[in-house]
Amino acid sequence: MKNSLFNPMNPNPDPLEKVVDQALKSLPVRRAPSSLEARVLAEIARREALPWWHRSWTYWPTAVRWAFLVVSAALAAGVIAAVFALFHSSSAQVVEGAVAEPIGWLQAAKAVFGVFGRLGSQLLDLVPTPWLYGCIGGVVLAYLLLIGVGATAYRTLWQPR
């Protein structure tokens, strides 16, 4: 297929499009500077010479990728188990006491937020469930309307024609 500005969706191009297309086709082909070509080839050679562990993960050998996934999953499970064990053991009280003692305002903030949390929970229990779903739906619709109006305004006001 020839290199043209002709749009297949528009079988009757504008005269200006034809003129611009002919003018661009008449331009001589420009070669890249020889220094650029040398630099590009040197960079390609440098990247090819990198060892696999300095490359992207997709270039790693398959066995190493699987080993990496297994070790990562084991480490993540170990961290989760350690955190779970810490907060469900008697050492959790020791850690909490060591942190809360020098920071006395932490206990006060916890109490205040607890009061507000219980108040919010009680108020939320008073609202019927269909009203909650209606409010959530209204917020979603308002957000979608905002996106639509913004896209329309952008296309109308700022996009070149």
N, C-alpha and C. Protein backbone atom coordinates (compact mmCIF):
# COMPACT_ATOMS: atom_id res chain seq x y z
N MET A 1 0.85 -1.18 0.00
CA MET A 1 0.00 0.00 0.00
C MET A 1 0.88 1.23 0.00
N LYS A 2 0.53 2.21 -0.79
CA LYS A 2 1.37 3.40 -0.88
C LYS A 2 1.24 4.25 0.38
N ASN A 3 2.30 4.99 0.66
CA ASN A 3 2.34 5.87 1.82
C ASN A 3 1.65 7.16 1.43
N SER A 4 0.46 7.39 1.92
CA SER A 4 -0.31 8.54 1.52
C SER A 4 -1.10 9.07 2.69
N LEU A 5 -1.48 10.31 2.57
CA LEU A 5 -2.34 10.92 3.59
C LEU A 5 -3.80 10.63 3.30
N PHE A 6 -4.07 9.92 2.21
CA PHE A 6 -5.43 9.61 1.81
C PHE A 6 -6.10 8.76 2.88
N ASN A 7 -7.26 9.21 3.30
CA ASN A 7 -8.03 8.51 4.32
C ASN A 7 -9.00 7.55 3.62
N PRO A 8 -8.91 6.24 3.84
CA PRO A 8 -9.81 5.30 3.16
C PRO A 8 -11.27 5.50 3.55
N MET A 9 -11.52 6.13 4.69
CA MET A 9 -12.90 6.37 5.10
C MET A 9 -13.52 7.53 4.32
N ASN A 10 -12.65 8.36 3.69
CA ASN A 10 -13.11 9.51 2.92
C ASN A 10 -12.61 9.34 1.49
N PRO A 11 -13.41 8.74 0.59
CA PRO A 11 -12.92 8.48 -0.76
C PRO A 11 -12.72 9.75 -1.60
N ASN A 12 -13.27 10.86 -1.17
CA ASN A 12 -13.12 12.12 -1.91
C ASN A 12 -12.33 13.11 -1.07
N PRO A 13 -10.99 13.05 -1.13
CA PRO A 13 -10.20 13.95 -0.29
C PRO A 13 -10.32 15.41 -0.75
N ASP A 14 -10.07 16.30 0.19
CA ASP A 14 -10.10 17.73 -0.12
C ASP A 14 -8.97 18.06 -1.08
N PRO A 15 -9.12 19.14 -1.88
CA PRO A 15 -8.03 19.56 -2.76
C PRO A 15 -6.78 19.93 -1.96
N LEU A 16 -6.97 20.53 -0.80
CA LEU A 16 -5.82 20.89 0.03
C LEU A 16 -5.07 19.64 0.47
N GLU A 17 -5.81 18.59 0.79
CA GLU A 17 -5.17 17.34 1.20
C GLU A 17 -4.35 16.76 0.05
N LYS A 18 -4.86 16.85 -1.15
CA LYS A 18 -4.12 16.36 -2.31
C LYS A 18 -2.84 17.15 -2.52
N VAL A 19 -2.92 18.48 -2.38
CA VAL A 19 -1.76 19.34 -2.58
C VAL A 19 -0.70 19.03 -1.52
N VAL A 20 -1.12 18.92 -0.27
CA VAL A 20 -0.17 18.63 0.81
C VAL A 20 0.45 17.25 0.61
N ASP A 21 -0.36 16.28 0.20
CA ASP A 21 0.15 14.94 -0.03
C ASP A 21 1.20 14.94 -1.14
N GLN A 22 0.94 15.61 -2.22
CA GLN A 22 1.91 15.68 -3.32
C GLN A 22 3.17 16.43 -2.91
N ALA A 23 3.02 17.50 -2.12
CA ALA A 23 4.19 18.26 -1.67
C ALA A 23 5.07 17.42 -0.76
N LEU A 24 4.45 16.65 0.12
CA LEU A 24 5.24 15.81 1.02
C LEU A 24 5.91 14.66 0.27
N LYS A 25 5.24 14.11 -0.73
CA LYS A 25 5.83 13.03 -1.52
C LYS A 25 7.01 13.52 -2.35
N SER A 26 6.99 14.80 -2.72
CA SER A 26 8.07 15.32 -3.56
C SER A 26 9.33 15.65 -2.76
N LEU A 27 9.24 15.68 -1.44
CA LEU A 27 10.41 15.98 -0.62
C LEU A 27 11.41 14.83 -0.69
N PRO A 28 12.70 15.14 -0.67
CA PRO A 28 13.69 14.06 -0.71
C PRO A 28 13.71 13.33 0.64
N VAL A 29 14.08 12.06 0.58
CA VAL A 29 14.20 11.26 1.79
C VAL A 29 15.46 11.70 2.51
N ARG A 30 15.32 12.00 3.79
CA ARG A 30 16.47 12.46 4.56
C ARG A 30 17.04 11.30 5.35
N ARG A 31 18.35 11.21 5.32
CA ARG A 31 19.03 10.18 6.10
C ARG A 31 19.34 10.72 7.49
N ALA A 32 19.36 9.83 8.43
CA ALA A 32 19.76 10.22 9.78
C ALA A 32 21.25 10.53 9.77
N PRO A 33 21.69 11.44 10.63
CA PRO A 33 23.13 11.72 10.70
C PRO A 33 23.90 10.45 11.07
N SER A 34 25.10 10.32 10.53
CA SER A 34 25.88 9.11 10.79
C SER A 34 26.21 8.97 12.27
N SER A 35 26.36 10.10 12.97
CA SER A 35 26.64 10.02 14.40
C SER A 35 25.45 9.43 15.16
N LEU A 36 24.24 9.74 14.72
CA LEU A 36 23.06 9.19 15.36
C LEU A 36 22.99 7.68 15.14
N GLU A 37 23.26 7.28 13.93
CA GLU A 37 23.23 5.85 13.62
C GLU A 37 24.25 5.10 14.47
N ALA A 38 25.43 5.66 14.62
CA ALA A 38 26.47 5.01 15.42
C ALA A 38 26.06 4.94 16.89
N ARG A 39 25.46 6.01 17.40
CA ARG A 39 25.03 6.01 18.80
C ARG A 39 23.92 5.00 19.05
N VAL A 40 22.98 4.91 18.11
CA VAL A 40 21.88 3.96 18.27
C VAL A 40 22.41 2.53 18.25
N LEU A 41 23.29 2.24 17.30
CA LEU A 41 23.84 0.88 17.23
C LEU A 41 24.68 0.55 18.47
N ALA A 42 25.41 1.56 19.00
CA ALA A 42 26.20 1.33 20.21
C ALA A 42 25.30 1.06 21.41
N GLU A 43 24.19 1.77 21.50
CA GLU A 43 23.25 1.55 22.61
C GLU A 43 22.60 0.16 22.52
N ILE A 44 22.25 -0.24 21.31
CA ILE A 44 21.68 -1.58 21.12
C ILE A 44 22.69 -2.65 21.54
N ALA A 45 23.95 -2.46 21.13
CA ALA A 45 24.99 -3.43 21.50
C ALA A 45 25.21 -3.45 23.02
N ARG A 46 25.17 -2.26 23.64
CA ARG A 46 25.35 -2.20 25.09
C ARG A 46 24.23 -2.93 25.82
N ARG A 47 23.00 -2.75 25.36
CA ARG A 47 21.87 -3.42 26.01
C ARG A 47 21.91 -4.93 25.79
N GLU A 48 22.36 -5.34 24.64
CA GLU A 48 22.47 -6.78 24.37
C GLU A 48 23.55 -7.42 25.23
N ALA A 49 24.57 -6.64 25.61
CA ALA A 49 25.68 -7.19 26.40
C ALA A 49 25.35 -7.26 27.89
N LEU A 50 24.24 -6.67 28.32
CA LEU A 50 23.89 -6.70 29.74
C LEU A 50 23.59 -8.12 30.19
N PRO A 51 23.98 -8.48 31.41
CA PRO A 51 23.60 -9.80 31.93
C PRO A 51 22.09 -9.84 32.19
N TRP A 52 21.54 -11.05 32.28
CA TRP A 52 20.09 -11.19 32.39
C TRP A 52 19.52 -10.55 33.63
N TRP A 53 20.27 -10.50 34.71
CA TRP A 53 19.73 -9.94 35.96
C TRP A 53 19.71 -8.41 35.93
N HIS A 54 20.30 -7.78 34.93
CA HIS A 54 20.23 -6.33 34.77
C HIS A 54 19.16 -5.93 33.77
N ARG A 55 18.54 -6.91 33.17
CA ARG A 55 17.50 -6.64 32.18
C ARG A 55 16.12 -6.70 32.83
N SER A 56 15.13 -6.48 31.99
CA SER A 56 13.74 -6.57 32.43
C SER A 56 13.42 -7.99 32.87
N TRP A 57 12.42 -8.14 33.72
CA TRP A 57 12.03 -9.43 34.27
C TRP A 57 11.65 -10.42 33.17
N THR A 58 11.15 -9.92 32.04
CA THR A 58 10.74 -10.81 30.96
C THR A 58 11.92 -11.48 30.27
N TYR A 59 13.12 -10.95 30.44
CA TYR A 59 14.32 -11.54 29.85
C TYR A 59 14.96 -12.58 30.77
N TRP A 60 14.49 -12.71 31.99
CA TRP A 60 15.07 -13.67 32.91
C TRP A 60 14.76 -15.08 32.44
N PRO A 61 15.62 -16.05 32.76
CA PRO A 61 15.30 -17.45 32.43
C PRO A 61 14.03 -17.89 33.17
N THR A 62 13.30 -18.79 32.55
CA THR A 62 12.00 -19.21 33.10
C THR A 62 12.14 -19.81 34.50
N ALA A 63 13.17 -20.61 34.72
CA ALA A 63 13.35 -21.23 36.04
C ALA A 63 13.61 -20.17 37.11
N VAL A 64 14.36 -19.15 36.76
CA VAL A 64 14.65 -18.09 37.73
C VAL A 64 13.39 -17.28 38.02
N ARG A 65 12.57 -17.05 37.01
CA ARG A 65 11.31 -16.31 37.23
C ARG A 65 10.41 -17.09 38.19
N TRP A 66 10.29 -18.40 38.00
CA TRP A 66 9.45 -19.21 38.89
C TRP A 66 10.02 -19.23 40.30
N ALA A 67 11.32 -19.34 40.40
CA ALA A 67 11.95 -19.32 41.74
C ALA A 67 11.71 -17.98 42.42
N PHE A 68 11.80 -16.90 41.66
CA PHE A 68 11.55 -15.56 42.21
C PHE A 68 10.11 -15.46 42.72
N LEU A 69 9.15 -15.96 41.94
CA LEU A 69 7.75 -15.91 42.37
C LEU A 69 7.52 -16.73 43.64
N VAL A 70 8.13 -17.92 43.70
CA VAL A 70 7.95 -18.78 44.88
C VAL A 70 8.56 -18.13 46.11
N VAL A 71 9.78 -17.59 45.98
CA VAL A 71 10.44 -16.95 47.12
C VAL A 71 9.66 -15.71 47.55
N SER A 72 9.18 -14.91 46.59
CA SER A 72 8.40 -13.72 46.93
C SER A 72 7.12 -14.09 47.66
N ALA A 73 6.43 -15.13 47.18
CA ALA A 73 5.21 -15.56 47.85
C ALA A 73 5.50 -16.07 49.26
N ALA A 74 6.60 -16.80 49.41
CA ALA A 74 6.97 -17.30 50.74
C ALA A 74 7.30 -16.15 51.69
N LEU A 75 8.02 -15.16 51.20
CA LEU A 75 8.34 -14.01 52.04
C LEU A 75 7.08 -13.23 52.43
N ALA A 76 6.17 -13.04 51.48
CA ALA A 76 4.93 -12.34 51.78
C ALA A 76 4.12 -13.10 52.82
N ALA A 77 4.04 -14.42 52.67
CA ALA A 77 3.31 -15.24 53.65
C ALA A 77 3.98 -15.17 55.01
N GLY A 78 5.30 -15.15 55.04
CA GLY A 78 6.02 -15.04 56.31
C GLY A 78 5.77 -13.72 57.00
N VAL A 79 5.76 -12.63 56.23
CA VAL A 79 5.49 -11.31 56.82
C VAL A 79 4.07 -11.25 57.37
N ILE A 80 3.11 -11.77 56.59
CA ILE A 80 1.72 -11.77 57.05
C ILE A 80 1.58 -12.61 58.32
N ALA A 81 2.21 -13.77 58.35
CA ALA A 81 2.13 -14.62 59.54
C ALA A 81 2.79 -13.95 60.74
N ALA A 82 3.90 -13.26 60.53
CA ALA A 82 4.58 -12.57 61.64
C ALA A 82 3.72 -11.45 62.19
N VAL A 83 3.09 -10.67 61.31
CA VAL A 83 2.23 -9.58 61.77
C VAL A 83 1.02 -10.15 62.51
N PHE A 84 0.44 -11.21 61.96
CA PHE A 84 -0.70 -11.84 62.62
C PHE A 84 -0.32 -12.37 64.00
N ALA A 85 0.84 -13.00 64.09
CA ALA A 85 1.28 -13.54 65.37
C ALA A 85 1.59 -12.42 66.37
N LEU A 86 2.13 -11.32 65.88
CA LEU A 86 2.47 -10.20 66.76
C LEU A 86 1.22 -9.59 67.38
N PHE A 87 0.18 -9.41 66.58
CA PHE A 87 -1.00 -8.74 67.09
C PHE A 87 -1.99 -9.68 67.77
N HIS A 88 -1.72 -10.97 67.76
CA HIS A 88 -2.59 -11.90 68.47
C HIS A 88 -1.82 -12.66 69.55
N SER A 89 -0.86 -11.98 70.13
CA SER A 89 -0.11 -12.63 71.20
C SER A 89 0.04 -11.64 72.35
N SER A 90 0.66 -12.08 73.40
CA SER A 90 0.84 -11.21 74.56
C SER A 90 1.86 -10.12 74.27
N SER A 91 2.72 -10.33 73.26
CA SER A 91 3.69 -9.28 72.94
C SER A 91 3.02 -8.06 72.33
N ALA A 92 1.77 -8.23 71.84
CA ALA A 92 1.06 -7.09 71.27
C ALA A 92 0.80 -6.05 72.35
N GLN A 93 0.46 -6.49 73.55
CA GLN A 93 0.24 -5.54 74.63
C GLN A 93 1.54 -4.83 75.01
N VAL A 94 2.65 -5.54 74.95
CA VAL A 94 3.93 -4.92 75.26
C VAL A 94 4.25 -3.84 74.24
N VAL A 95 4.04 -4.16 72.96
CA VAL A 95 4.32 -3.17 71.90
C VAL A 95 3.36 -1.99 72.04
N GLU A 96 2.08 -2.27 72.26
CA GLU A 96 1.11 -1.19 72.40
C GLU A 96 1.45 -0.31 73.59
N GLY A 97 1.86 -0.92 74.71
CA GLY A 97 2.24 -0.13 75.89
C GLY A 97 3.48 0.70 75.64
N ALA A 98 4.44 0.15 74.93
CA ALA A 98 5.67 0.89 74.64
C ALA A 98 5.40 2.07 73.72
N VAL A 99 4.45 1.92 72.82
CA VAL A 99 4.15 3.02 71.88
C VAL A 99 3.22 4.03 72.54
N ALA A 100 2.21 3.55 73.27
CA ALA A 100 1.20 4.45 73.81
C ALA A 100 1.70 5.22 75.02
N GLU A 101 2.66 4.69 75.73
CA GLU A 101 3.17 5.37 76.92
C GLU A 101 3.79 6.73 76.59
N PRO A 102 4.77 6.80 75.68
CA PRO A 102 5.33 8.11 75.37
C PRO A 102 4.38 8.99 74.57
N ILE A 103 3.41 8.39 73.91
CA ILE A 103 2.48 9.18 73.10
C ILE A 103 1.11 9.09 73.76
N GLY A 104 0.89 9.89 74.77
CA GLY A 104 -0.36 9.85 75.52
C GLY A 104 -1.55 10.31 74.71
N TRP A 105 -1.33 11.20 73.77
CA TRP A 105 -2.44 11.72 72.98
C TRP A 105 -3.00 10.65 72.04
N LEU A 106 -2.26 9.58 71.81
CA LEU A 106 -2.72 8.51 70.94
C LEU A 106 -3.96 7.84 71.53
N GLN A 107 -3.94 7.61 72.86
CA GLN A 107 -5.10 7.00 73.50
C GLN A 107 -6.32 7.93 73.44
N ALA A 108 -6.08 9.22 73.64
CA ALA A 108 -7.19 10.19 73.57
C ALA A 108 -7.77 10.25 72.16
N ALA A 109 -6.91 10.26 71.15
CA ALA A 109 -7.38 10.29 69.77
C ALA A 109 -8.15 9.02 69.43
N LYS A 110 -7.68 7.90 69.94
CA LYS A 110 -8.36 6.63 69.70
C LYS A 110 -9.76 6.67 70.32
N ALA A 111 -9.88 7.24 71.53
CA ALA A 111 -11.18 7.34 72.19
C ALA A 111 -12.13 8.26 71.43
N VAL A 112 -11.60 9.42 70.97
CA VAL A 112 -12.45 10.38 70.24
C VAL A 112 -12.93 9.76 68.94
N PHE A 113 -12.02 9.14 68.18
CA PHE A 113 -12.42 8.53 66.92
C PHE A 113 -13.36 7.35 67.15
N GLY A 114 -13.20 6.67 68.26
CA GLY A 114 -14.12 5.59 68.60
C GLY A 114 -15.53 6.10 68.84
N VAL A 115 -15.64 7.25 69.54
CA VAL A 115 -16.95 7.85 69.79
C VAL A 115 -17.59 8.27 68.47
N PHE A 116 -16.82 8.95 67.62
CA PHE A 116 -17.36 9.37 66.33
C PHE A 116 -17.72 8.16 65.46
N GLY A 117 -16.93 7.12 65.53
CA GLY A 117 -17.23 5.91 64.75
C GLY A 117 -18.51 5.26 65.21
N ARG A 118 -18.71 5.16 66.53
CA ARG A 118 -19.96 4.57 67.04
C ARG A 118 -21.16 5.45 66.70
N LEU A 119 -21.01 6.78 66.80
CA LEU A 119 -22.09 7.70 66.46
C LEU A 119 -22.46 7.57 64.98
N GLY A 120 -21.43 7.52 64.12
CA GLY A 120 -21.69 7.36 62.68
C GLY A 120 -22.36 6.04 62.37
N SER A 121 -21.96 5.00 63.06
CA SER A 121 -22.57 3.68 62.85
C SER A 121 -24.03 3.69 63.27
N GLN A 122 -24.34 4.34 64.40
CA GLN A 122 -25.72 4.40 64.86
C GLN A 122 -26.57 5.23 63.90
N LEU A 123 -26.01 6.35 63.39
CA LEU A 123 -26.76 7.17 62.44
C LEU A 123 -26.98 6.43 61.12
N LEU A 124 -26.00 5.66 60.70
CA LEU A 124 -26.11 4.90 59.46
C LEU A 124 -27.16 3.80 59.60
N ASP A 125 -27.30 3.25 60.80
CA ASP A 125 -28.31 2.22 61.03
C ASP A 125 -29.72 2.79 60.94
N LEU A 126 -29.89 4.09 61.19
CA LEU A 126 -31.22 4.72 61.12
C LEU A 126 -31.68 4.95 59.69
N VAL A 127 -30.76 5.02 58.73
CA VAL A 127 -31.11 5.30 57.33
C VAL A 127 -31.51 3.99 56.65
N PRO A 128 -32.67 3.98 55.98
CA PRO A 128 -33.09 2.76 55.28
C PRO A 128 -32.11 2.39 54.15
N THR A 129 -31.96 1.09 53.94
CA THR A 129 -31.00 0.60 52.94
C THR A 129 -31.29 1.12 51.54
N PRO A 130 -32.57 1.16 51.08
CA PRO A 130 -32.80 1.69 49.71
C PRO A 130 -32.34 3.15 49.56
N TRP A 131 -32.45 3.93 50.62
CA TRP A 131 -31.99 5.31 50.55
C TRP A 131 -30.47 5.36 50.37
N LEU A 132 -29.77 4.47 51.09
CA LEU A 132 -28.32 4.43 50.94
C LEU A 132 -27.93 4.08 49.51
N TYR A 133 -28.60 3.03 48.94
CA TYR A 133 -28.31 2.66 47.56
C TYR A 133 -28.65 3.80 46.60
N GLY A 134 -29.75 4.48 46.87
CA GLY A 134 -30.14 5.62 46.03
C GLY A 134 -29.11 6.74 46.09
N CYS A 135 -28.62 7.04 47.28
CA CYS A 135 -27.60 8.09 47.42
C CYS A 135 -26.30 7.70 46.72
N ILE A 136 -25.90 6.44 46.88
CA ILE A 136 -24.68 5.98 46.20
C ILE A 136 -24.86 6.06 44.69
N GLY A 137 -26.03 5.62 44.20
CA GLY A 137 -26.32 5.71 42.76
C GLY A 137 -26.33 7.15 42.27
N GLY A 138 -26.90 8.06 43.09
CA GLY A 138 -26.91 9.48 42.71
C GLY A 138 -25.51 10.06 42.62
N VAL A 139 -24.65 9.69 43.55
CA VAL A 139 -23.27 10.17 43.51
C VAL A 139 -22.55 9.64 42.28
N VAL A 140 -22.77 8.36 41.96
CA VAL A 140 -22.14 7.77 40.76
C VAL A 140 -22.65 8.47 39.51
N LEU A 141 -23.96 8.70 39.42
CA LEU A 141 -24.51 9.39 38.25
C LEU A 141 -23.98 10.82 38.14
N ALA A 142 -23.87 11.51 39.26
CA ALA A 142 -23.34 12.87 39.23
C ALA A 142 -21.88 12.88 38.76
N TYR A 143 -21.12 11.90 39.20
CA TYR A 143 -19.73 11.80 38.78
C TYR A 143 -19.64 11.52 37.29
N LEU A 144 -20.46 10.59 36.79
CA LEU A 144 -20.47 10.31 35.35
C LEU A 144 -20.92 11.52 34.55
N LEU A 145 -21.89 12.26 35.07
CA LEU A 145 -22.33 13.48 34.40
C LEU A 145 -21.20 14.51 34.35
N LEU A 146 -20.46 14.62 35.43
CA LEU A 146 -19.32 15.54 35.45
C LEU A 146 -18.28 15.16 34.40
N ILE A 147 -17.99 13.86 34.28
CA ILE A 147 -17.04 13.40 33.28
C ILE A 147 -17.56 13.70 31.88
N GLY A 148 -18.84 13.44 31.64
CA GLY A 148 -19.43 13.69 30.32
C GLY A 148 -19.42 15.16 29.95
N VAL A 149 -19.78 16.01 30.90
CA VAL A 149 -19.78 17.45 30.63
C VAL A 149 -18.35 17.95 30.39
N GLY A 150 -17.40 17.44 31.17
CA GLY A 150 -16.01 17.84 30.96
C GLY A 150 -15.48 17.40 29.61
N ALA A 151 -15.79 16.17 29.19
CA ALA A 151 -15.34 15.69 27.88
C ALA A 151 -15.99 16.49 26.76
N THR A 152 -17.27 16.79 26.90
CA THR A 152 -17.95 17.59 25.87
C THR A 152 -17.38 18.99 25.81
N ALA A 153 -17.12 19.60 26.95
CA ALA A 153 -16.54 20.94 26.95
C ALA A 153 -15.15 20.94 26.33
N TYR A 154 -14.37 19.92 26.61
CA TYR A 154 -13.03 19.84 26.02
C TYR A 154 -13.12 19.70 24.51
N ARG A 155 -13.98 18.80 24.04
CA ARG A 155 -14.09 18.60 22.59
C ARG A 155 -14.64 19.85 21.90
N THR A 156 -15.52 20.54 22.58
CA THR A 156 -16.14 21.73 21.95
C THR A 156 -15.21 22.93 21.98
N LEU A 157 -14.53 23.15 23.09
CA LEU A 157 -13.78 24.39 23.26
C LEU A 157 -12.31 24.30 22.92
N TRP A 158 -11.65 23.19 23.20
CA TRP A 158 -10.18 23.19 23.10
C TRP A 158 -9.62 22.30 22.01
N GLN A 159 -10.38 21.36 21.51
CA GLN A 159 -9.84 20.47 20.50
C GLN A 159 -9.84 21.16 19.14
N PRO A 160 -8.74 21.06 18.40
CA PRO A 160 -8.71 21.70 17.08
C PRO A 160 -9.68 21.01 16.12
N ARG A 161 -10.17 21.80 15.21
CA ARG A 161 -11.16 21.25 14.26
C ARG A 161 -10.52 20.93 12.97
